[in-house]
Amino acid sequence: MHTVLDFIASVKVELSKVVWPSPDLTIRLTVIVILVTVIVGFFVGGIDYLLTNLLGLVINK
């Protein structure tokens, strides 16, 4: 049990060293992540759509 308390104490010390981002920075970075995810999703979906149609043309011939 003593080691668990030591662990919790060291976690508290380490968390006090963390430099947390400001709320504005957090919101900006979150918006960037969402936009990049949507863009990559559309790109991969478009490639999938094109390859599916191309394969359909090849198979039907």
Protein backbone atom coordinates (compact mmCIF):
# COMPACT_ATOMS: atom_id res chain seq x y z
CA MET A 1 0.00 0.00 0.00
CA HIS A 2 2.93 2.28 0.67
CA THR A 3 4.09 2.06 -2.94
CA VAL A 4 0.65 3.07 -4.22
CA LEU A 5 0.76 6.24 -2.13
CA ASP A 6 4.28 6.96 -3.39
CA PHE A 7 3.08 6.51 -6.94
CA ILE A 8 0.15 8.90 -6.46
CA ALA A 9 2.45 11.48 -4.87
CA SER A 10 4.90 11.27 -7.77
CA VAL A 11 2.06 11.56 -10.28
CA LYS A 12 0.91 14.74 -8.53
CA VAL A 13 4.44 16.15 -8.70
CA GLU A 14 4.78 15.33 -12.40
CA LEU A 15 1.38 16.81 -13.25
CA SER A 16 2.37 20.05 -11.56
CA LYS A 17 5.27 20.31 -14.04
CA VAL A 18 2.99 20.09 -17.09
CA VAL A 19 2.47 23.29 -19.06
CA TRP A 20 -1.20 23.15 -19.97
CA PRO A 21 -2.34 24.95 -23.15
CA SER A 22 -4.66 27.92 -22.92
CA PRO A 23 -8.35 27.40 -23.74
CA ASP A 24 -7.95 29.45 -26.94
CA LEU A 25 -5.06 27.30 -28.13
CA THR A 26 -6.96 24.13 -27.26
CA ILE A 27 -9.97 25.27 -29.30
CA ARG A 28 -7.79 26.28 -32.28
CA LEU A 29 -5.94 22.96 -32.29
CA THR A 30 -9.19 21.02 -31.94
CA VAL A 31 -10.67 22.84 -34.94
CA ILE A 32 -7.52 22.11 -36.96
CA VAL A 33 -7.69 18.41 -36.09
CA ILE A 34 -11.37 18.23 -37.06
CA LEU A 35 -10.75 20.03 -40.38
CA VAL A 36 -7.79 17.83 -41.29
CA THR A 37 -9.81 14.73 -40.39
CA VAL A 38 -12.70 15.82 -42.62
CA ILE A 39 -10.35 16.69 -45.52
CA VAL A 40 -8.51 13.37 -45.29
CA GLY A 41 -11.85 11.54 -45.01
CA PHE A 42 -13.13 13.17 -48.21
CA PHE A 43 -9.84 12.44 -49.97
CA VAL A 44 -9.82 8.76 -48.98
CA GLY A 45 -13.54 8.48 -49.77
CA GLY A 46 -12.97 10.01 -53.19
CA ILE A 47 -10.12 7.65 -53.97
CA ASP A 48 -12.26 4.72 -52.80
CA TYR A 49 -15.15 5.86 -55.00
CA LEU A 50 -12.91 6.22 -58.06
CA LEU A 51 -11.20 2.87 -57.55
CA THR A 52 -14.55 1.14 -56.96
CA ASN A 53 -15.94 2.53 -60.22
CA LEU A 54 -12.74 1.68 -62.09
CA LEU A 55 -12.81 -1.89 -60.80
CA GLY A 56 -16.49 -2.14 -61.75
CA LEU A 57 -15.65 -1.08 -65.30
CA VAL A 58 -12.84 -3.63 -65.51
CA ILE A 59 -14.94 -6.48 -64.13
CA ASN A 60 -17.97 -5.76 -66.36
CA LYS A 61 -15.94 -5.89 -69.59
